[in-house]
């Protein structure tokens, strides 16, 4: 009898969730106020990180900016300060666990408790698996995936104490479905998606309802990170690389609406769903038709020609 009652309650929750999602899609959702919140953004010296910093500053959030490139990070800080918010910049190597923990301690002592954590930093090796030095493969996994564990362990306890906070994971559409020649990136982003979803379930199970999470999964963003990547030319107009500002603005809308997940553009939900529903061979046929099976080859060639330590930063 208890099982039947629980089943009915689950069906009611399921129906409510679907209807709520439909309504939020049609109507503009209410956006929360983050004025005065302390927001930490990793990869703040890069294109997306800088835009995230400026958008959060426009909302009145004070900023803690982390990046391994001190000069680029300080430039972001300078632009954000012009918007009238407090900004603190730190040089951090996210591939090193102790660097994360030590800098987190400095932030708490010098600035205060972080209430919004935006895990944005990301790298890619840009080489074929068998041609890539192990160190570059490891760095992609350390920065894109492992760092999420250390960042969360460093800042989640304070959020739990107050039952207040928001954790944002900037993953990728390549964390939902894969393509060839970027094994390191796909593996790290699949790991990021899995980590984020498991963390969200843990917070819900523990009834930490004041701590929100948002998973951001964009298509290729035109930041230069995947320069040269291209699908079949007849379809490029349908799915062009995303404008960085558009990507960040869509992400901000999802964050402020406390939306749990966003794919950018919405078209990315289709391959995510078909990957689970269609046979493997059917997905391969679709990839080949769209040119997705070889879309990264021009990028790999460009990356090898540049040969900048094997890494391009997002």
C-alpha atoms as a PDB file:
ATOM      1  CA  UNK A   1       0.000   0.000   0.000  1.00  0.00           C
ATOM      2  CA  UNK A   2       2.841   2.398   0.870  1.00  0.00           C
ATOM      3  CA  UNK A   3       4.473   1.680  -2.490  1.00  0.00           C
ATOM      4  CA  UNK A   4       1.253   2.564  -4.337  1.00  0.00           C
ATOM      5  CA  UNK A   5       0.893   5.831  -2.421  1.00  0.00           C
ATOM      6  CA  UNK A   6       4.541   6.712  -3.122  1.00  0.00           C
ATOM      7  CA  UNK A   7       3.995   5.855  -6.790  1.00  0.00           C
ATOM      8  CA  UNK A   8       1.013   8.199  -6.999  1.00  0.00           C
ATOM      9  CA  UNK A   9       2.932  10.979  -5.270  1.00  0.00           C
ATOM     10  CA  UNK A  10       5.831  10.453  -7.681  1.00  0.00           C
ATOM     11  CA  UNK A  11       3.479  10.698 -10.681  1.00  0.00           C
ATOM     12  CA  UNK A  12       2.037  13.928  -9.277  1.00  0.00           C
ATOM     13  CA  UNK A  13       5.557  15.347  -8.823  1.00  0.00           C
ATOM     14  CA  UNK A  14       6.473  14.187 -12.324  1.00  0.00           C
ATOM     15  CA  UNK A  15       3.442  15.886 -13.869  1.00  0.00           C
ATOM     16  CA  UNK A  16       4.045  19.073 -11.894  1.00  0.00           C
ATOM     17  CA  UNK A  17       7.715  19.185 -12.938  1.00  0.00           C
ATOM     18  CA  UNK A  18       6.857  18.768 -16.639  1.00  0.00           C
ATOM     19  CA  UNK A  19       4.111  21.412 -16.527  1.00  0.00           C
ATOM     20  CA  UNK A  20       6.379  23.781 -14.591  1.00  0.00           C
ATOM     21  CA  UNK A  21       9.159  23.369 -17.169  1.00  0.00           C
ATOM     22  CA  UNK A  22       6.734  24.039 -20.025  1.00  0.00           C
ATOM     23  CA  UNK A  23       5.401  27.179 -18.329  1.00  0.00           C
ATOM     24  CA  UNK A  24       8.921  28.473 -17.651  1.00  0.00           C
ATOM     25  CA  UNK A  25       9.800  27.890 -21.304  1.00  0.00           C
ATOM     26  CA  UNK A  26       6.819  29.942 -22.485  1.00  0.00           C
ATOM     27  CA  UNK A  27       6.833  32.622 -19.789  1.00  0.00           C
ATOM     28  CA  UNK A  28       9.840  34.587 -18.561  1.00  0.00           C
ATOM     29  CA  UNK A  29      10.832  33.045 -15.199  1.00  0.00           C
ATOM     30  CA  UNK A  30      11.399  35.221 -12.153  1.00  0.00           C
ATOM     31  CA  UNK A  31      15.112  35.969 -11.736  1.00  0.00           C
ATOM     32  CA  UNK A  32      16.710  36.060  -8.299  1.00  0.00           C
ATOM     33  CA  UNK A  33      18.681  38.988  -6.924  1.00  0.00           C
ATOM     34  CA  UNK A  34      22.399  38.378  -6.311  1.00  0.00           C
ATOM     35  CA  UNK A  35      23.319  41.923  -5.317  1.00  0.00           C
ATOM     36  CA  UNK A  36      26.048  41.768  -2.662  1.00  0.00           C
ATOM     37  CA  UNK A  37      26.730  38.042  -3.103  1.00  0.00           C
ATOM     38  CA  UNK A  38      30.373  36.902  -3.367  1.00  0.00           C
ATOM     39  CA  UNK A  39      30.950  35.068  -6.649  1.00  0.00           C
ATOM     40  CA  UNK A  40      34.096  33.091  -7.482  1.00  0.00           C
ATOM     41  CA  UNK A  41      34.812  32.429 -11.169  1.00  0.00           C
ATOM     42  CA  UNK A  42      37.582  30.126 -12.388  1.00  0.00           C
ATOM     43  CA  UNK A  43      39.201  30.730 -15.758  1.00  0.00           C
ATOM     44  CA  UNK A  44      38.332  34.417 -15.364  1.00  0.00           C
ATOM     45  CA  UNK A  45      41.117  35.527 -17.709  1.00  0.00           C
ATOM     46  CA  UNK A  46      39.604  33.716 -20.681  1.00  0.00           C
ATOM     47  CA  UNK A  47      36.831  34.816 -23.021  1.00  0.00           C
ATOM     48  CA  UNK A  48      33.902  33.181 -21.246  1.00  0.00           C
ATOM     49  CA  UNK A  49      35.293  33.790 -17.763  1.00  0.00           C
ATOM     50  CA  UNK A  50      35.686  37.510 -18.468  1.00  0.00           C
ATOM     51  CA  UNK A  51      32.135  37.781 -19.787  1.00  0.00           C
ATOM     52  CA  UNK A  52      30.786  35.866 -16.777  1.00  0.00           C
ATOM     53  CA  UNK A  53      32.641  38.279 -14.490  1.00  0.00           C
ATOM     54  CA  UNK A  54      31.144  41.323 -16.195  1.00  0.00           C
ATOM     55  CA  UNK A  55      27.628  39.883 -16.202  1.00  0.00           C
ATOM     56  CA  UNK A  56      27.802  39.003 -12.499  1.00  0.00           C
ATOM     57  CA  UNK A  57      29.202  42.469 -11.786  1.00  0.00           C
ATOM     58  CA  UNK A  58      26.243  44.038 -13.606  1.00  0.00           C
ATOM     59  CA  UNK A  59      23.988  42.133 -11.200  1.00  0.00           C
ATOM     60  CA  UNK A  60      25.830  43.645  -8.231  1.00  0.00           C
ATOM     61  CA  UNK A  61      27.806  40.569  -7.164  1.00  0.00           C
ATOM     62  CA  UNK A  62      31.296  41.080  -5.731  1.00  0.00           C
ATOM     63  CA  UNK A  63      33.918  38.975  -7.475  1.00  0.00           C
ATOM     64  CA  UNK A  64      36.781  36.619  -6.732  1.00  0.00           C
ATOM     65  CA  UNK A  65      38.599  35.851  -9.976  1.00  0.00           C
ATOM     66  CA  UNK A  66      40.878  32.843 -10.412  1.00  0.00           C
ATOM     67  CA  UNK A  67      43.140  32.142 -13.370  1.00  0.00           C
ATOM     68  CA  UNK A  68      46.614  30.810 -14.070  1.00  0.00           C
ATOM     69  CA  UNK A  69      47.322  33.826 -16.302  1.00  0.00           C
ATOM     70  CA  UNK A  70      47.849  36.721 -13.894  1.00  0.00           C
ATOM     71  CA  UNK A  71      47.928  39.406 -16.589  1.00  0.00           C
ATOM     72  CA  UNK A  72      44.691  38.302 -18.285  1.00  0.00           C
ATOM     73  CA  UNK A  73      43.017  37.851 -14.913  1.00  0.00           C
ATOM     74  CA  UNK A  74      43.958  41.358 -13.788  1.00  0.00           C
ATOM     75  CA  UNK A  75      42.585  42.774 -17.031  1.00  0.00           C
ATOM     76  CA  UNK A  76      39.244  41.124 -16.263  1.00  0.00           C
ATOM     77  CA  UNK A  77      39.403  42.516 -12.734  1.00  0.00           C
ATOM     78  CA  UNK A  78      40.048  46.013 -14.078  1.00  0.00           C
ATOM     79  CA  UNK A  79      37.000  45.861 -16.371  1.00  0.00           C
ATOM     80  CA  UNK A  80      34.789  44.543 -13.568  1.00  0.00           C
ATOM     81  CA  UNK A  81      35.912  47.224 -11.102  1.00  0.00           C
ATOM     82  CA  UNK A  82      34.731  49.853 -13.572  1.00  0.00           C
ATOM     83  CA  UNK A  83      31.215  48.537 -12.941  1.00  0.00           C
ATOM     84  CA  UNK A  84      31.468  49.484  -9.282  1.00  0.00           C
ATOM     85  CA  UNK A  85      31.891  46.131  -7.552  1.00  0.00           C
ATOM     86  CA  UNK A  86      34.642  44.782  -5.321  1.00  0.00           C
ATOM     87  CA  UNK A  87      37.016  42.485  -7.196  1.00  0.00           C
ATOM     88  CA  UNK A  88      39.822  40.266  -5.880  1.00  0.00           C
ATOM     89  CA  UNK A  89      42.102  38.484  -8.354  1.00  0.00           C
ATOM     90  CA  UNK A  90      44.179  35.400  -7.522  1.00  0.00           C
ATOM     91  CA  UNK A  91      46.669  33.457  -9.638  1.00  0.00           C
ATOM     92  CA  UNK A  92      45.873  29.756  -9.267  1.00  0.00           C
ATOM     93  CA  UNK A  93      46.919  26.556 -11.035  1.00  0.00           C
ATOM     94  CA  UNK A  94      43.768  24.427 -11.027  1.00  0.00           C
ATOM     95  CA  UNK A  95      45.750  21.328 -11.990  1.00  0.00           C
ATOM     96  CA  UNK A  96      47.288  21.358  -8.503  1.00  0.00           C
ATOM     97  CA  UNK A  97      45.039  20.381  -5.605  1.00  0.00           C
ATOM     98  CA  UNK A  98      47.057  22.140  -2.921  1.00  0.00           C
ATOM     99  CA  UNK A  99      47.093  25.356  -4.960  1.00  0.00           C
ATOM    100  CA  UNK A 100      43.290  25.279  -4.887  1.00  0.00           C
ATOM    101  CA  UNK A 101      43.056  24.562  -1.160  1.00  0.00           C
ATOM    102  CA  UNK A 102      45.681  27.139  -0.181  1.00  0.00           C
ATOM    103  CA  UNK A 103      44.122  29.883  -2.310  1.00  0.00           C
ATOM    104  CA  UNK A 104      40.656  28.998  -0.984  1.00  0.00           C
ATOM    105  CA  UNK A 105      41.980  29.553   2.546  1.00  0.00           C
ATOM    106  CA  UNK A 106      43.332  32.947   1.452  1.00  0.00           C
ATOM    107  CA  UNK A 107      39.974  33.915  -0.048  1.00  0.00           C
ATOM    108  CA  UNK A 108      38.120  33.077   3.161  1.00  0.00           C
ATOM    109  CA  UNK A 109      40.647  35.011   5.262  1.00  0.00           C
ATOM    110  CA  UNK A 110      41.023  38.034   2.983  1.00  0.00           C
ATOM    111  CA  UNK A 111      37.594  38.381   1.350  1.00  0.00           C
ATOM    112  CA  UNK A 112      34.937  36.235   2.997  1.00  0.00           C
ATOM    113  CA  UNK A 113      32.696  33.286   2.268  1.00  0.00           C
ATOM    114  CA  UNK A 114      31.895  32.496  -1.356  1.00  0.00           C
ATOM    115  CA  UNK A 115      28.185  32.009  -2.022  1.00  0.00           C
ATOM    116  CA  UNK A 116      28.295  31.556  -5.822  1.00  0.00           C
ATOM    117  CA  UNK A 117      30.882  29.235  -7.375  1.00  0.00           C
ATOM    118  CA  UNK A 118      31.269  29.238 -11.159  1.00  0.00           C
ATOM    119  CA  UNK A 119      33.524  26.391 -12.314  1.00  0.00           C
ATOM    120  CA  UNK A 120      34.298  27.759 -15.764  1.00  0.00           C
ATOM    121  CA  UNK A 121      37.978  26.990 -16.441  1.00  0.00           C
ATOM    122  CA  UNK A 122      38.746  24.479 -19.155  1.00  0.00           C
ATOM    123  CA  UNK A 123      41.591  23.276 -21.380  1.00  0.00           C
ATOM    124  CA  UNK A 124      42.037  20.817 -24.236  1.00  0.00           C
ATOM    125  CA  UNK A 125      45.194  19.080 -25.451  1.00  0.00           C
ATOM    126  CA  UNK A 126      44.436  19.519 -29.146  1.00  0.00           C
ATOM    127  CA  UNK A 127      46.274  16.396 -30.267  1.00  0.00           C
ATOM    128  CA  UNK A 128      45.352  12.890 -31.331  1.00  0.00           C
ATOM    129  CA  UNK A 129      45.404  10.430 -28.460  1.00  0.00           C
ATOM    130  CA  UNK A 130      48.465   8.456 -29.580  1.00  0.00           C
ATOM    131  CA  UNK A 131      50.411  11.632 -30.413  1.00  0.00           C
ATOM    132  CA  UNK A 132      49.607  13.413 -27.156  1.00  0.00           C
ATOM    133  CA  UNK A 133      52.075  13.472 -24.240  1.00  0.00           C
ATOM    134  CA  UNK A 134      50.626  11.936 -21.113  1.00  0.00           C
ATOM    135  CA  UNK A 135      51.169  15.182 -19.206  1.00  0.00           C
ATOM    136  CA  UNK A 136      48.793  17.075 -21.502  1.00  0.00           C
ATOM    137  CA  UNK A 137      46.107  14.406 -21.207  1.00  0.00           C
ATOM    138  CA  UNK A 138      46.427  14.474 -17.439  1.00  0.00           C
ATOM    139  CA  UNK A 139      46.229  18.267 -17.330  1.00  0.00           C
ATOM    140  CA  UNK A 140      42.934  18.274 -19.247  1.00  0.00           C
ATOM    141  CA  UNK A 141      41.407  15.848 -16.753  1.00  0.00           C
ATOM    142  CA  UNK A 142      42.870  17.686 -13.748  1.00  0.00           C
ATOM    143  CA  UNK A 143      41.598  21.124 -14.783  1.00  0.00           C
ATOM    144  CA  UNK A 144      38.266  20.154 -16.364  1.00  0.00           C
ATOM    145  CA  UNK A 145      37.202  17.434 -13.945  1.00  0.00           C
ATOM    146  CA  UNK A 146      39.358  16.842 -10.859  1.00  0.00           C
ATOM    147  CA  UNK A 147      39.401  20.528  -9.949  1.00  0.00           C
ATOM    148  CA  UNK A 148      35.608  20.402  -9.553  1.00  0.00           C
ATOM    149  CA  UNK A 149      36.046  18.033  -6.619  1.00  0.00           C
ATOM    150  CA  UNK A 150      38.632  20.224  -4.895  1.00  0.00           C
ATOM    151  CA  UNK A 151      36.712  23.462  -5.552  1.00  0.00           C
ATOM    152  CA  UNK A 152      33.534  21.960  -4.134  1.00  0.00           C
ATOM    153  CA  UNK A 153      35.284  20.534  -1.077  1.00  0.00           C
ATOM    154  CA  UNK A 154      36.836  23.938  -0.464  1.00  0.00           C
ATOM    155  CA  UNK A 155      33.661  26.047  -0.669  1.00  0.00           C
ATOM    156  CA  UNK A 156      30.611  23.828  -0.176  1.00  0.00           C
ATOM    157  CA  UNK A 157      30.970  23.440   3.639  1.00  0.00           C
ATOM    158  CA  UNK A 158      30.347  27.173   4.167  1.00  0.00           C
ATOM    159  CA  UNK A 159      27.322  27.030   1.861  1.00  0.00           C
ATOM    160  CA  UNK A 160      25.937  24.085   3.834  1.00  0.00           C
ATOM    161  CA  UNK A 161      26.383  25.917   7.132  1.00  0.00           C
ATOM    162  CA  UNK A 162      24.086  28.694   5.896  1.00  0.00           C
ATOM    163  CA  UNK A 163      22.036  26.498   3.541  1.00  0.00           C
ATOM    164  CA  UNK A 164      22.665  29.166   0.932  1.00  0.00           C
ATOM    165  CA  UNK A 165      24.698  29.115  -2.247  1.00  0.00           C
ATOM    166  CA  UNK A 166      24.839  28.301  -5.939  1.00  0.00           C
ATOM    167  CA  UNK A 167      27.288  26.025  -7.769  1.00  0.00           C
ATOM    168  CA  UNK A 168      27.591  26.411 -11.537  1.00  0.00           C
ATOM    169  CA  UNK A 169      29.407  23.866 -13.689  1.00  0.00           C
ATOM    170  CA  UNK A 170      30.300  25.029 -17.179  1.00  0.00           C
ATOM    171  CA  UNK A 171      30.626  21.704 -18.961  1.00  0.00           C
ATOM    172  CA  UNK A 172      29.993  21.186 -22.677  1.00  0.00           C
ATOM    173  CA  UNK A 173      27.696  19.510 -25.161  1.00  0.00           C
ATOM    174  CA  UNK A 174      30.657  17.135 -25.490  1.00  0.00           C
ATOM    175  CA  UNK A 175      29.898  16.044 -21.954  1.00  0.00           C
ATOM    176  CA  UNK A 176      26.543  14.718 -23.195  1.00  0.00           C
ATOM    177  CA  UNK A 177      27.649  13.134 -26.480  1.00  0.00           C
ATOM    178  CA  UNK A 178      31.075  12.643 -28.007  1.00  0.00           C
ATOM    179  CA  UNK A 179      33.066  12.992 -31.205  1.00  0.00           C
ATOM    180  CA  UNK A 180      36.415  11.778 -32.489  1.00  0.00           C
ATOM    181  CA  UNK A 181      39.936  12.983 -31.680  1.00  0.00           C
ATOM    182  CA  UNK A 182      39.168  14.834 -28.428  1.00  0.00           C
ATOM    183  CA  UNK A 183      39.169  11.896 -26.040  1.00  0.00           C
ATOM    184  CA  UNK A 184      40.710  13.939 -23.226  1.00  0.00           C
ATOM    185  CA  UNK A 185      38.139  16.721 -23.491  1.00  0.00           C
ATOM    186  CA  UNK A 186      35.121  14.436 -23.859  1.00  0.00           C
ATOM    187  CA  UNK A 187      36.226  12.252 -20.939  1.00  0.00           C
ATOM    188  CA  UNK A 188      36.763  15.301 -18.719  1.00  0.00           C
ATOM    189  CA  UNK A 189      33.417  16.866 -19.619  1.00  0.00           C
ATOM    190  CA  UNK A 190      31.494  13.593 -19.226  1.00  0.00           C
ATOM    191  CA  UNK A 191      33.146  13.437 -15.801  1.00  0.00           C
ATOM    192  CA  UNK A 192      32.123  17.032 -15.075  1.00  0.00           C
ATOM    193  CA  UNK A 193      28.499  16.286 -15.982  1.00  0.00           C
ATOM    194  CA  UNK A 194      28.467  13.135 -13.853  1.00  0.00           C
ATOM    195  CA  UNK A 195      30.057  14.934 -10.917  1.00  0.00           C
ATOM    196  CA  UNK A 196      27.597  17.815 -11.123  1.00  0.00           C
ATOM    197  CA  UNK A 197      24.529  15.582 -11.352  1.00  0.00           C
ATOM    198  CA  UNK A 198      25.651  13.387  -8.453  1.00  0.00           C
ATOM    199  CA  UNK A 199      26.387  16.458  -6.330  1.00  0.00           C
ATOM    200  CA  UNK A 200      22.928  17.851  -7.129  1.00  0.00           C
ATOM    201  CA  UNK A 201      21.291  14.577  -6.073  1.00  0.00           C
ATOM    202  CA  UNK A 202      23.323  14.591  -2.843  1.00  0.00           C
ATOM    203  CA  UNK A 203      22.214  18.127  -1.959  1.00  0.00           C
ATOM    204  CA  UNK A 204      18.580  17.222  -2.641  1.00  0.00           C
ATOM    205  CA  UNK A 205      18.826  14.008  -0.614  1.00  0.00           C
ATOM    206  CA  UNK A 206      20.273  15.950   2.316  1.00  0.00           C
ATOM    207  CA  UNK A 207      17.513  18.571   1.928  1.00  0.00           C
ATOM    208  CA  UNK A 208      19.972  21.417   1.394  1.00  0.00           C
ATOM    209  CA  UNK A 209      17.280  23.183  -0.585  1.00  0.00           C
ATOM    210  CA  UNK A 210      18.957  26.574  -0.223  1.00  0.00           C
ATOM    211  CA  UNK A 211      21.950  25.478  -2.297  1.00  0.00           C
ATOM    212  CA  UNK A 212      21.178  25.599  -6.013  1.00  0.00           C
ATOM    213  CA  UNK A 213      23.083  24.062  -8.920  1.00  0.00           C
ATOM    214  CA  UNK A 214      23.162  24.842 -12.633  1.00  0.00           C
ATOM    215  CA  UNK A 215      24.789  22.713 -15.341  1.00  0.00           C
ATOM    216  CA  UNK A 216      25.736  24.605 -18.516  1.00  0.00           C
ATOM    217  CA  UNK A 217      26.302  22.561 -21.678  1.00  0.00           C
ATOM    218  CA  UNK A 218      27.074  24.776 -24.674  1.00  0.00           C
ATOM    219  CA  UNK A 219      27.893  23.750 -28.215  1.00  0.00           C
ATOM    220  CA  UNK A 220      31.238  24.908 -29.623  1.00  0.00           C
ATOM    221  CA  UNK A 221      31.754  28.521 -28.525  1.00  0.00           C
ATOM    222  CA  UNK A 222      33.649  30.882 -30.815  1.00  0.00           C
ATOM    223  CA  UNK A 223      36.479  31.663 -28.379  1.00  0.00           C
ATOM    224  CA  UNK A 224      39.286  30.112 -30.423  1.00  0.00           C
ATOM    225  CA  UNK A 225      39.492  27.078 -28.177  1.00  0.00           C
ATOM    226  CA  UNK A 226      38.317  24.805 -30.997  1.00  0.00           C
ATOM    227  CA  UNK A 227      39.424  26.978 -33.914  1.00  0.00           C
ATOM    228  CA  UNK A 228      38.899  25.145 -37.202  1.00  0.00           C
ATOM    229  CA  UNK A 229      36.251  22.723 -35.924  1.00  0.00           C
ATOM    230  CA  UNK A 230      33.500  22.507 -38.513  1.00  0.00           C
ATOM    231  CA  UNK A 231      30.598  20.261 -39.443  1.00  0.00           C
ATOM    232  CA  UNK A 232      29.218  19.651 -42.951  1.00  0.00           C
ATOM    233  CA  UNK A 233      29.241  22.974 -44.794  1.00  0.00           C
ATOM    234  CA  UNK A 234      25.545  22.751 -45.797  1.00  0.00           C
ATOM    235  CA  UNK A 235      24.622  22.589 -42.095  1.00  0.00           C
ATOM    236  CA  UNK A 236      26.987  25.198 -40.674  1.00  0.00           C
ATOM    237  CA  UNK A 237      24.358  27.911 -40.928  1.00  0.00           C
ATOM    238  CA  UNK A 238      21.960  25.781 -38.892  1.00  0.00           C
ATOM    239  CA  UNK A 239      24.446  25.101 -36.079  1.00  0.00           C
ATOM    240  CA  UNK A 240      27.149  27.807 -36.198  1.00  0.00           C
ATOM    241  CA  UNK A 241      29.709  28.277 -33.415  1.00  0.00           C
ATOM    242  CA  UNK A 242      28.121  30.164 -30.532  1.00  0.00           C
ATOM    243  CA  UNK A 243      28.782  33.831 -29.878  1.00  0.00           C
ATOM    244  CA  UNK A 244      30.541  34.027 -26.470  1.00  0.00           C
ATOM    245  CA  UNK A 245      28.360  36.869 -25.159  1.00  0.00           C
ATOM    246  CA  UNK A 246      25.164  35.082 -26.195  1.00  0.00           C
ATOM    247  CA  UNK A 247      26.394  31.918 -24.471  1.00  0.00           C
ATOM    248  CA  UNK A 248      27.119  33.728 -21.222  1.00  0.00           C
ATOM    249  CA  UNK A 249      23.848  35.701 -21.279  1.00  0.00           C
ATOM    250  CA  UNK A 250      21.842  32.515 -21.793  1.00  0.00           C
ATOM    251  CA  UNK A 251      23.809  30.878 -18.977  1.00  0.00           C
ATOM    252  CA  UNK A 252      23.170  33.855 -16.693  1.00  0.00           C
ATOM    253  CA  UNK A 253      19.432  33.672 -17.360  1.00  0.00           C
ATOM    254  CA  UNK A 254      19.496  30.008 -16.341  1.00  0.00           C
ATOM    255  CA  UNK A 255      21.563  30.729 -13.210  1.00  0.00           C
ATOM    256  CA  UNK A 256      19.375  33.605 -12.050  1.00  0.00           C
ATOM    257  CA  UNK A 257      16.238  31.543 -12.750  1.00  0.00           C
ATOM    258  CA  UNK A 258      17.792  28.687 -10.725  1.00  0.00           C
ATOM    259  CA  UNK A 259      17.424  26.397 -13.723  1.00  0.00           C
ATOM    260  CA  UNK A 260      19.132  23.055 -13.091  1.00  0.00           C
ATOM    261  CA  UNK A 261      20.460  22.534 -16.620  1.00  0.00           C
ATOM    262  CA  UNK A 262      20.743  24.406 -19.882  1.00  0.00           C
ATOM    263  CA  UNK A 263      21.925  23.253 -23.300  1.00  0.00           C
ATOM    264  CA  UNK A 264      22.927  26.045 -25.681  1.00  0.00           C
ATOM    265  CA  UNK A 265      21.402  26.149 -28.218  1.00  0.00           C
ATOM    266  CA  UNK A 266      18.271  24.139 -27.376  1.00  0.00           C
ATOM    267  CA  UNK A 267      18.977  22.063 -30.467  1.00  0.00           C
ATOM    268  CA  UNK A 268      21.674  20.287 -28.424  1.00  0.00           C
ATOM    269  CA  UNK A 269      18.981  18.464 -26.444  1.00  0.00           C
ATOM    270  CA  UNK A 270      18.203  16.429 -29.583  1.00  0.00           C
ATOM    271  CA  UNK A 271      21.537  14.531 -29.939  1.00  0.00           C
ATOM    272  CA  UNK A 272      21.586  14.144 -26.146  1.00  0.00           C
ATOM    273  CA  UNK A 273      18.225  12.341 -26.278  1.00  0.00           C
ATOM    274  CA  UNK A 274      18.837  10.386 -29.494  1.00  0.00           C
ATOM    275  CA  UNK A 275      22.150   9.103 -28.148  1.00  0.00           C
ATOM    276  CA  UNK A 276      20.210   7.263 -25.453  1.00  0.00           C
ATOM    277  CA  UNK A 277      17.287   6.144 -27.614  1.00  0.00           C
ATOM    278  CA  UNK A 278      18.852   5.156 -30.954  1.00  0.00           C
ATOM    279  CA  UNK A 279      21.098   2.152 -31.696  1.00  0.00           C
ATOM    280  CA  UNK A 280      24.836   2.872 -31.846  1.00  0.00           C
ATOM    281  CA  UNK A 281      24.906   2.398 -35.621  1.00  0.00           C
ATOM    282  CA  UNK A 282      22.090   4.911 -36.069  1.00  0.00           C
ATOM    283  CA  UNK A 283      24.005   7.531 -34.117  1.00  0.00           C
ATOM    284  CA  UNK A 284      27.122   6.855 -36.179  1.00  0.00           C
ATOM    285  CA  UNK A 285      25.122   7.285 -39.396  1.00  0.00           C
ATOM    286  CA  UNK A 286      23.783  10.617 -38.119  1.00  0.00           C
ATOM    287  CA  UNK A 287      27.275  11.786 -37.140  1.00  0.00           C
ATOM    288  CA  UNK A 288      28.598  10.927 -40.598  1.00  0.00           C
ATOM    289  CA  UNK A 289      25.746  12.745 -42.340  1.00  0.00           C
ATOM    290  CA  UNK A 290      26.392  15.895 -40.303  1.00  0.00           C
ATOM    291  CA  UNK A 291      30.169  15.640 -40.588  1.00  0.00           C
ATOM    292  CA  UNK A 292      30.413  15.302 -36.830  1.00  0.00           C
ATOM    293  CA  UNK A 293      32.650  12.252 -37.044  1.00  0.00           C
ATOM    294  CA  UNK A 294      35.514  14.279 -38.557  1.00  0.00           C
ATOM    295  CA  UNK A 295      34.638  17.787 -37.368  1.00  0.00           C
ATOM    296  CA  UNK A 296      37.634  18.012 -35.054  1.00  0.00           C
ATOM    297  CA  UNK A 297      40.279  17.095 -37.644  1.00  0.00           C
ATOM    298  CA  UNK A 298      40.810  20.708 -38.860  1.00  0.00           C
ATOM    299  CA  UNK A 299      41.034  21.818 -35.232  1.00  0.00           C
ATOM    300  CA  UNK A 300      43.650  19.168 -34.477  1.00  0.00           C
ATOM    301  CA  UNK A 301      45.654  20.269 -37.507  1.00  0.00           C
ATOM    302  CA  UNK A 302      45.470  23.928 -36.456  1.00  0.00           C
ATOM    303  CA  UNK A 303      46.451  23.075 -32.889  1.00  0.00           C
ATOM    304  CA  UNK A 304      49.445  21.084 -34.062  1.00  0.00           C
ATOM    305  CA  UNK A 305      50.565  23.970 -36.275  1.00  0.00           C
ATOM    306  CA  UNK A 306      50.305  26.458 -33.403  1.00  0.00           C
ATOM    307  CA  UNK A 307      52.045  24.041 -31.037  1.00  0.00           C
ATOM    308  CA  UNK A 308      51.552  26.316 -28.018  1.00  0.00           C
ATOM    309  CA  UNK A 309      52.388  23.748 -25.346  1.00  0.00           C
ATOM    310  CA  UNK A 310      49.517  21.647 -26.686  1.00  0.00           C
ATOM    311  CA  UNK A 311      46.915  23.710 -24.810  1.00  0.00           C
ATOM    312  CA  UNK A 312      44.447  26.402 -25.724  1.00  0.00           C
ATOM    313  CA  UNK A 313      42.586  27.985 -22.863  1.00  0.00           C
ATOM    314  CA  UNK A 314      38.857  28.745 -22.854  1.00  0.00           C
END
